[in-house]
Amino acid sequence: MKPNPLLPNQSINLIIEGARQNNLKNISLQIPHNQVTAITGVSGSGKSSLAFDTIFAEGQWRYVESLSTYARMFLDK
């Protein structure tokens, strides 16, 4: 479901499908916005890979995509 900017109360989720980074093996999940979410698990289960490699990268990509082409010219590659 794509968020509609005209409906600010609409439920929006960060959707991750088929994440495969380090210990993550084809993980899919939905993380709701405006709610506290905890990532738990045993040592080596992929918590850091999920939080830093997957979720952070997705947020960074969405931020860059929201910038104008002109603004993107000033970002480090």
PDB file of N, CA and C in Angstrom:
ATOM      1  N   MET A   1       0.835  -1.169   0.000  1.00  0.00           N
ATOM      2  CA  MET A   1       0.000   0.000   0.000  1.00  0.00           C
ATOM      3  C   MET A   1       0.885   1.238   0.000  1.00  0.00           C
ATOM      4  N   LYS A   2       0.679   2.117  -0.939  1.00  0.00           N
ATOM      5  CA  LYS A   2       1.450   3.352  -1.003  1.00  0.00           C
ATOM      6  C   LYS A   2       0.775   4.417  -0.145  1.00  0.00           C
ATOM      7  N   PRO A   3       1.579   5.171   0.630  1.00  0.00           N
ATOM      8  CA  PRO A   3       0.987   6.206   1.468  1.00  0.00           C
ATOM      9  C   PRO A   3       0.425   7.351   0.636  1.00  0.00           C
ATOM     10  N   ASN A   4      -0.655   7.913   1.110  1.00  0.00           N
ATOM     11  CA  ASN A   4      -1.274   9.057   0.465  1.00  0.00           C
ATOM     12  C   ASN A   4      -0.973  10.284   1.311  1.00  0.00           C
ATOM     13  N   PRO A   5      -0.202  11.265   0.793  1.00  0.00           N
ATOM     14  CA  PRO A   5       0.156  12.433   1.598  1.00  0.00           C
ATOM     15  C   PRO A   5      -1.045  13.266   2.027  1.00  0.00           C
ATOM     16  N   LEU A   6      -2.184  13.082   1.381  1.00  0.00           N
ATOM     17  CA  LEU A   6      -3.379  13.829   1.758  1.00  0.00           C
ATOM     18  C   LEU A   6      -4.102  13.194   2.937  1.00  0.00           C
ATOM     19  N   LEU A   7      -3.698  11.987   3.324  1.00  0.00           N
ATOM     20  CA  LEU A   7      -4.313  11.280   4.440  1.00  0.00           C
ATOM     21  C   LEU A   7      -3.256  11.010   5.511  1.00  0.00           C
ATOM     22  N   PRO A   8      -2.951  11.996   6.379  1.00  0.00           N
ATOM     23  CA  PRO A   8      -1.858  11.834   7.334  1.00  0.00           C
ATOM     24  C   PRO A   8      -2.092  10.755   8.382  1.00  0.00           C
ATOM     25  N   ASN A   9      -3.325  10.353   8.648  1.00  0.00           N
ATOM     26  CA  ASN A   9      -3.602   9.329   9.650  1.00  0.00           C
ATOM     27  C   ASN A   9      -3.579   7.920   9.077  1.00  0.00           C
ATOM     28  N   GLN A  10      -3.320   7.799   7.802  1.00  0.00           N
ATOM     29  CA  GLN A  10      -3.299   6.502   7.146  1.00  0.00           C
ATOM     30  C   GLN A  10      -2.152   5.666   7.699  1.00  0.00           C
ATOM     31  N   SER A  11      -2.387   4.398   7.917  1.00  0.00           N
ATOM     32  CA  SER A  11      -1.356   3.498   8.423  1.00  0.00           C
ATOM     33  C   SER A  11      -0.283   3.291   7.362  1.00  0.00           C
ATOM     34  N   ILE A  12       0.967   3.506   7.762  1.00  0.00           N
ATOM     35  CA  ILE A  12       2.090   3.364   6.846  1.00  0.00           C
ATOM     36  C   ILE A  12       3.071   2.380   7.463  1.00  0.00           C
ATOM     37  N   ASN A  13       3.551   1.449   6.691  1.00  0.00           N
ATOM     38  CA  ASN A  13       4.515   0.468   7.172  1.00  0.00           C
ATOM     39  C   ASN A  13       5.770   0.504   6.329  1.00  0.00           C
ATOM     40  N   LEU A  14       6.895   0.227   6.972  1.00  0.00           N
ATOM     41  CA  LEU A  14       8.127  -0.029   6.240  1.00  0.00           C
ATOM     42  C   LEU A  14       8.094  -1.515   5.920  1.00  0.00           C
ATOM     43  N   ILE A  15       8.104  -1.853   4.648  1.00  0.00           N
ATOM     44  CA  ILE A  15       7.995  -3.248   4.227  1.00  0.00           C
ATOM     45  C   ILE A  15       9.344  -3.715   3.707  1.00  0.00           C
ATOM     46  N   ILE A  16       9.815  -4.806   4.268  1.00  0.00           N
ATOM     47  CA  ILE A  16      11.070  -5.420   3.835  1.00  0.00           C
ATOM     48  C   ILE A  16      10.725  -6.810   3.325  1.00  0.00           C
ATOM     49  N   GLU A  17      11.143  -7.102   2.101  1.00  0.00           N
ATOM     50  CA  GLU A  17      10.843  -8.408   1.510  1.00  0.00           C
ATOM     51  C   GLU A  17      12.122  -9.066   1.028  1.00  0.00           C
ATOM     52  N   GLY A  18      12.350 -10.277   1.472  1.00  0.00           N
ATOM     53  CA  GLY A  18      13.467 -11.078   0.987  1.00  0.00           C
ATOM     54  C   GLY A  18      14.841 -10.549   1.348  1.00  0.00           C
ATOM     55  N   ALA A  19      14.992  -9.966   2.548  1.00  0.00           N
ATOM     56  CA  ALA A  19      16.298  -9.427   2.960  1.00  0.00           C
ATOM     57  C   ALA A  19      17.311 -10.562   3.100  1.00  0.00           C
ATOM     58  N   ARG A  20      18.460 -10.385   2.456  1.00  0.00           N
ATOM     59  CA  ARG A  20      19.543 -11.379   2.515  1.00  0.00           C
ATOM     60  C   ARG A  20      20.853 -10.643   2.722  1.00  0.00           C
ATOM     61  N   GLN A  21      21.181 -10.350   3.961  1.00  0.00           N
ATOM     62  CA  GLN A  21      22.414  -9.643   4.300  1.00  0.00           C
ATOM     63  C   GLN A  21      23.044 -10.359   5.485  1.00  0.00           C
ATOM     64  N   ASN A  22      24.287 -10.774   5.362  1.00  0.00           N
ATOM     65  CA  ASN A  22      24.993 -11.503   6.425  1.00  0.00           C
ATOM     66  C   ASN A  22      24.171 -12.707   6.881  1.00  0.00           C
ATOM     67  N   ASN A  23      23.662 -12.709   8.118  1.00  0.00           N
ATOM     68  CA  ASN A  23      22.920 -13.864   8.636  1.00  0.00           C
ATOM     69  C   ASN A  23      21.445 -13.877   8.254  1.00  0.00           C
ATOM     70  N   LEU A  24      20.965 -12.856   7.587  1.00  0.00           N
ATOM     71  CA  LEU A  24      19.556 -12.826   7.192  1.00  0.00           C
ATOM     72  C   LEU A  24      19.356 -13.719   5.977  1.00  0.00           C
ATOM     73  N   LYS A  25      18.373 -14.570   6.050  1.00  0.00           N
ATOM     74  CA  LYS A  25      18.100 -15.522   4.980  1.00  0.00           C
ATOM     75  C   LYS A  25      16.669 -15.345   4.481  1.00  0.00           C
ATOM     76  N   ASN A  26      16.497 -14.474   3.487  1.00  0.00           N
ATOM     77  CA  ASN A  26      15.190 -14.273   2.862  1.00  0.00           C
ATOM     78  C   ASN A  26      14.116 -13.876   3.885  1.00  0.00           C
ATOM     79  N   ILE A  27      14.403 -12.821   4.659  1.00  0.00           N
ATOM     80  CA  ILE A  27      13.506 -12.347   5.711  1.00  0.00           C
ATOM     81  C   ILE A  27      12.550 -11.297   5.142  1.00  0.00           C
ATOM     82  N   SER A  28      11.273 -11.436   5.451  1.00  0.00           N
ATOM     83  CA  SER A  28      10.266 -10.451   5.058  1.00  0.00           C
ATOM     84  C   SER A  28       9.501 -10.014   6.302  1.00  0.00           C
ATOM     85  N   LEU A  29       9.251  -8.696   6.428  1.00  0.00           N
ATOM     86  CA  LEU A  29       8.501  -8.183   7.564  1.00  0.00           C
ATOM     87  C   LEU A  29       7.953  -6.804   7.263  1.00  0.00           C
ATOM     88  N   GLN A  30       7.009  -6.370   8.089  1.00  0.00           N
ATOM     89  CA  GLN A  30       6.448  -5.023   8.020  1.00  0.00           C
ATOM     90  C   GLN A  30       6.672  -4.364   9.369  1.00  0.00           C
ATOM     91  N   ILE A  31       7.208  -3.143   9.349  1.00  0.00           N
ATOM     92  CA  ILE A  31       7.456  -2.390  10.574  1.00  0.00           C
ATOM     93  C   ILE A  31       6.569  -1.152  10.528  1.00  0.00           C
ATOM     94  N   PRO A  32       5.656  -1.009  11.496  1.00  0.00           N
ATOM     95  CA  PRO A  32       4.739   0.134  11.478  1.00  0.00           C
ATOM     96  C   PRO A  32       5.445   1.434  11.842  1.00  0.00           C
ATOM     97  N   HIS A  33       5.049   2.523  11.184  1.00  0.00           N
ATOM     98  CA  HIS A  33       5.558   3.853  11.513  1.00  0.00           C
ATOM     99  C   HIS A  33       4.872   4.337  12.785  1.00  0.00           C
ATOM    100  N   ASN A  34       5.513   5.273  13.463  1.00  0.00           N
ATOM    101  CA  ASN A  34       4.969   5.915  14.665  1.00  0.00           C
ATOM    102  C   ASN A  34       4.700   4.939  15.798  1.00  0.00           C
ATOM    103  N   GLN A  35       5.443   3.844  15.853  1.00  0.00           N
ATOM    104  CA  GLN A  35       5.352   2.892  16.952  1.00  0.00           C
ATOM    105  C   GLN A  35       6.759   2.433  17.295  1.00  0.00           C
ATOM    106  N   VAL A  36       6.956   2.091  18.564  1.00  0.00           N
ATOM    107  CA  VAL A  36       8.249   1.566  18.987  1.00  0.00           C
ATOM    108  C   VAL A  36       8.343   0.119  18.528  1.00  0.00           C
ATOM    109  N   THR A  37       9.452  -0.220  17.899  1.00  0.00           N
ATOM    110  CA  THR A  37       9.681  -1.582  17.432  1.00  0.00           C
ATOM    111  C   THR A  37      11.003  -2.074  17.995  1.00  0.00           C
ATOM    112  N   ALA A  38      11.001  -3.246  18.593  1.00  0.00           N
ATOM    113  CA  ALA A  38      12.222  -3.832  19.143  1.00  0.00           C
ATOM    114  C   ALA A  38      12.655  -4.999  18.268  1.00  0.00           C
ATOM    115  N   ILE A  39      13.954  -5.088  18.046  1.00  0.00           N
ATOM    116  CA  ILE A  39      14.525  -6.206  17.301  1.00  0.00           C
ATOM    117  C   ILE A  39      15.302  -7.037  18.309  1.00  0.00           C
ATOM    118  N   THR A  40      14.861  -8.259  18.534  1.00  0.00           N
ATOM    119  CA  THR A  40      15.502  -9.116  19.531  1.00  0.00           C
ATOM    120  C   THR A  40      15.906 -10.439  18.906  1.00  0.00           C
ATOM    121  N   GLY A  41      16.828 -11.128  19.564  1.00  0.00           N
ATOM    122  CA  GLY A  41      17.258 -12.439  19.109  1.00  0.00           C
ATOM    123  C   GLY A  41      18.589 -12.807  19.732  1.00  0.00           C
ATOM    124  N   VAL A  42      18.977 -14.039  19.556  1.00  0.00           N
ATOM    125  CA  VAL A  42      20.237 -14.520  20.118  1.00  0.00           C
ATOM    126  C   VAL A  42      21.409 -13.918  19.362  1.00  0.00           C
ATOM    127  N   SER A  43      22.581 -14.021  19.953  1.00  0.00           N
ATOM    128  CA  SER A  43      23.802 -13.508  19.341  1.00  0.00           C
ATOM    129  C   SER A  43      24.011 -14.154  17.974  1.00  0.00           C
ATOM    130  N   GLY A  44      24.279 -13.326  16.977  1.00  0.00           N
ATOM    131  CA  GLY A  44      24.535 -13.840  15.635  1.00  0.00           C
ATOM    132  C   GLY A  44      23.297 -14.119  14.813  1.00  0.00           C
ATOM    133  N   SER A  45      22.118 -13.693  15.292  1.00  0.00           N
ATOM    134  CA  SER A  45      20.879 -14.004  14.568  1.00  0.00           C
ATOM    135  C   SER A  45      20.537 -13.007  13.470  1.00  0.00           C
ATOM    136  N   GLY A  46      21.301 -11.903  13.370  1.00  0.00           N
ATOM    137  CA  GLY A  46      21.067 -10.951  12.291  1.00  0.00           C
ATOM    138  C   GLY A  46      20.392  -9.661  12.713  1.00  0.00           C
ATOM    139  N   LYS A  47      20.322  -9.391  14.019  1.00  0.00           N
ATOM    140  CA  LYS A  47      19.678  -8.158  14.493  1.00  0.00           C
ATOM    141  C   LYS A  47      20.358  -6.919  13.929  1.00  0.00           C
ATOM    142  N   SER A  48      21.668  -6.852  14.033  1.00  0.00           N
ATOM    143  CA  SER A  48      22.407  -5.685  13.534  1.00  0.00           C
ATOM    144  C   SER A  48      22.321  -5.597  12.018  1.00  0.00           C
ATOM    145  N   SER A  49      22.368  -6.727  11.344  1.00  0.00           N
ATOM    146  CA  SER A  49      22.233  -6.723   9.884  1.00  0.00           C
ATOM    147  C   SER A  49      20.881  -6.156   9.483  1.00  0.00           C
ATOM    148  N   LEU A  50      19.840  -6.537  10.206  1.00  0.00           N
ATOM    149  CA  LEU A  50      18.505  -6.028   9.906  1.00  0.00           C
ATOM    150  C   LEU A  50      18.422  -4.535  10.199  1.00  0.00           C
ATOM    151  N   ALA A  51      18.893  -4.118  11.364  1.00  0.00           N
ATOM    152  CA  ALA A  51      18.759  -2.717  11.773  1.00  0.00           C
ATOM    153  C   ALA A  51      19.641  -1.785  10.961  1.00  0.00           C
ATOM    154  N   PHE A  52      20.898  -2.125  10.797  1.00  0.00           N
ATOM    155  CA  PHE A  52      21.840  -1.195  10.180  1.00  0.00           C
ATOM    156  C   PHE A  52      21.986  -1.394   8.675  1.00  0.00           C
ATOM    157  N   ASP A  53      22.130  -2.611   8.241  1.00  0.00           N
ATOM    158  CA  ASP A  53      22.373  -2.856   6.819  1.00  0.00           C
ATOM    159  C   ASP A  53      21.100  -2.758   5.986  1.00  0.00           C
ATOM    160  N   THR A  54      19.986  -3.201   6.517  1.00  0.00           N
ATOM    161  CA  THR A  54      18.753  -3.269   5.737  1.00  0.00           C
ATOM    162  C   THR A  54      17.861  -2.049   5.956  1.00  0.00           C
ATOM    163  N   ILE A  55      17.455  -1.798   7.195  1.00  0.00           N
ATOM    164  CA  ILE A  55      16.522  -0.703   7.467  1.00  0.00           C
ATOM    165  C   ILE A  55      17.178   0.652   7.221  1.00  0.00           C
ATOM    166  N   PHE A  56      18.413   0.837   7.690  1.00  0.00           N
ATOM    167  CA  PHE A  56      19.105   2.109   7.476  1.00  0.00           C
ATOM    168  C   PHE A  56      19.296   2.374   5.985  1.00  0.00           C
ATOM    169  N   ALA A  57      19.705   1.352   5.236  1.00  0.00           N
ATOM    170  CA  ALA A  57      19.921   1.519   3.797  1.00  0.00           C
ATOM    171  C   ALA A  57      18.620   1.896   3.090  1.00  0.00           C
ATOM    172  N   GLU A  58      17.509   1.296   3.501  1.00  0.00           N
ATOM    173  CA  GLU A  58      16.213   1.625   2.898  1.00  0.00           C
ATOM    174  C   GLU A  58      15.825   3.068   3.205  1.00  0.00           C
ATOM    175  N   GLY A  59      16.032   3.495   4.442  1.00  0.00           N
ATOM    176  CA  GLY A  59      15.727   4.875   4.816  1.00  0.00           C
ATOM    177  C   GLY A  59      16.583   5.871   4.061  1.00  0.00           C
ATOM    178  N   GLN A  60      17.850   5.547   3.915  1.00  0.00           N
ATOM    179  CA  GLN A  60      18.768   6.422   3.187  1.00  0.00           C
ATOM    180  C   GLN A  60      18.352   6.516   1.718  1.00  0.00           C
ATOM    181  N   TRP A  61      17.997   5.389   1.117  1.00  0.00           N
ATOM    182  CA  TRP A  61      17.563   5.374  -0.282  1.00  0.00           C
ATOM    183  C   TRP A  61      16.303   6.229  -0.456  1.00  0.00           C
ATOM    184  N   ARG A  62      15.332   6.070   0.462  1.00  0.00           N
ATOM    185  CA  ARG A  62      14.099   6.853   0.358  1.00  0.00           C
ATOM    186  C   ARG A  62      14.374   8.347   0.498  1.00  0.00           C
ATOM    187  N   TYR A  63      15.298   8.703   1.383  1.00  0.00           N
ATOM    188  CA  TYR A  63      15.647  10.114   1.557  1.00  0.00           C
ATOM    189  C   TYR A  63      16.243  10.676   0.268  1.00  0.00           C
ATOM    190  N   VAL A  64      17.205   9.972  -0.307  1.00  0.00           N
ATOM    191  CA  VAL A  64      17.860  10.446  -1.527  1.00  0.00           C
ATOM    192  C   VAL A  64      16.851  10.546  -2.664  1.00  0.00           C
ATOM    193  N   GLU A  65      15.944   9.586  -2.757  1.00  0.00           N
ATOM    194  CA  GLU A  65      14.924   9.618  -3.806  1.00  0.00           C
ATOM    195  C   GLU A  65      13.972  10.798  -3.645  1.00  0.00           C
ATOM    196  N   SER A  66      13.835  11.309  -2.425  1.00  0.00           N
ATOM    197  CA  SER A  66      12.925  12.435  -2.200  1.00  0.00           C
ATOM    198  C   SER A  66      13.543  13.772  -2.610  1.00  0.00           C
ATOM    199  N   LEU A  67      14.853  13.792  -2.843  1.00  0.00           N
ATOM    200  CA  LEU A  67      15.538  15.024  -3.221  1.00  0.00           C
ATOM    201  C   LEU A  67      15.386  15.294  -4.718  1.00  0.00           C
ATOM    202  N   SER A  68      15.480  16.545  -5.072  1.00  0.00           N
ATOM    203  CA  SER A  68      15.434  16.901  -6.486  1.00  0.00           C
ATOM    204  C   SER A  68      16.725  16.439  -7.163  1.00  0.00           C
ATOM    205  N   THR A  69      16.693  16.342  -8.462  1.00  0.00           N
ATOM    206  CA  THR A  69      17.884  15.955  -9.219  1.00  0.00           C
ATOM    207  C   THR A  69      19.015  16.936  -8.963  1.00  0.00           C
ATOM    208  N   TYR A  70      18.683  18.198  -8.860  1.00  0.00           N
ATOM    209  CA  TYR A  70      19.694  19.227  -8.591  1.00  0.00           C
ATOM    210  C   TYR A  70      20.358  18.996  -7.232  1.00  0.00           C
ATOM    211  N   ALA A  71      19.574  18.723  -6.202  1.00  0.00           N
ATOM    212  CA  ALA A  71      20.128  18.499  -4.863  1.00  0.00           C
ATOM    213  C   ALA A  71      20.989  17.239  -4.823  1.00  0.00           C
ATOM    214  N   ARG A  72      20.610  16.223  -5.579  1.00  0.00           N
ATOM    215  CA  ARG A  72      21.388  14.971  -5.597  1.00  0.00           C
ATOM    216  C   ARG A  72      22.783  15.170  -6.163  1.00  0.00           C
ATOM    217  N   MET A  73      22.968  16.190  -7.004  1.00  0.00           N
ATOM    218  CA  MET A  73      24.293  16.443  -7.584  1.00  0.00           C
ATOM    219  C   MET A  73      25.317  16.777  -6.507  1.00  0.00           C
ATOM    220  N   PHE A  74      24.882  17.276  -5.363  1.00  0.00           N
ATOM    221  CA  PHE A  74      25.793  17.699  -4.310  1.00  0.00           C
ATOM    222  C   PHE A  74      26.089  16.604  -3.288  1.00  0.00           C
ATOM    223  N   LEU A  75      25.471  15.445  -3.432  1.00  0.00           N
ATOM    224  CA  LEU A  75      25.723  14.337  -2.516  1.00  0.00           C
ATOM    225  C   LEU A  75      27.002  13.614  -2.905  1.00  0.00           C
ATOM    226  N   ASP A  76      27.723  13.119  -1.900  1.00  0.00           N
ATOM    227  CA  ASP A  76      28.906  12.295  -2.171  1.00  0.00           C
ATOM    228  C   ASP A  76      28.454  10.960  -2.728  1.00  0.00           C
ATOM    229  N   LYS A  77      29.164  10.487  -3.688  1.00  0.00           N
ATOM    230  CA  LYS A  77      28.817   9.197  -4.293  1.00  0.00           C
ATOM    231  C   LYS A  77      29.458   8.074  -3.541  1.00  0.00           C
TER     232      LYS A  77
END
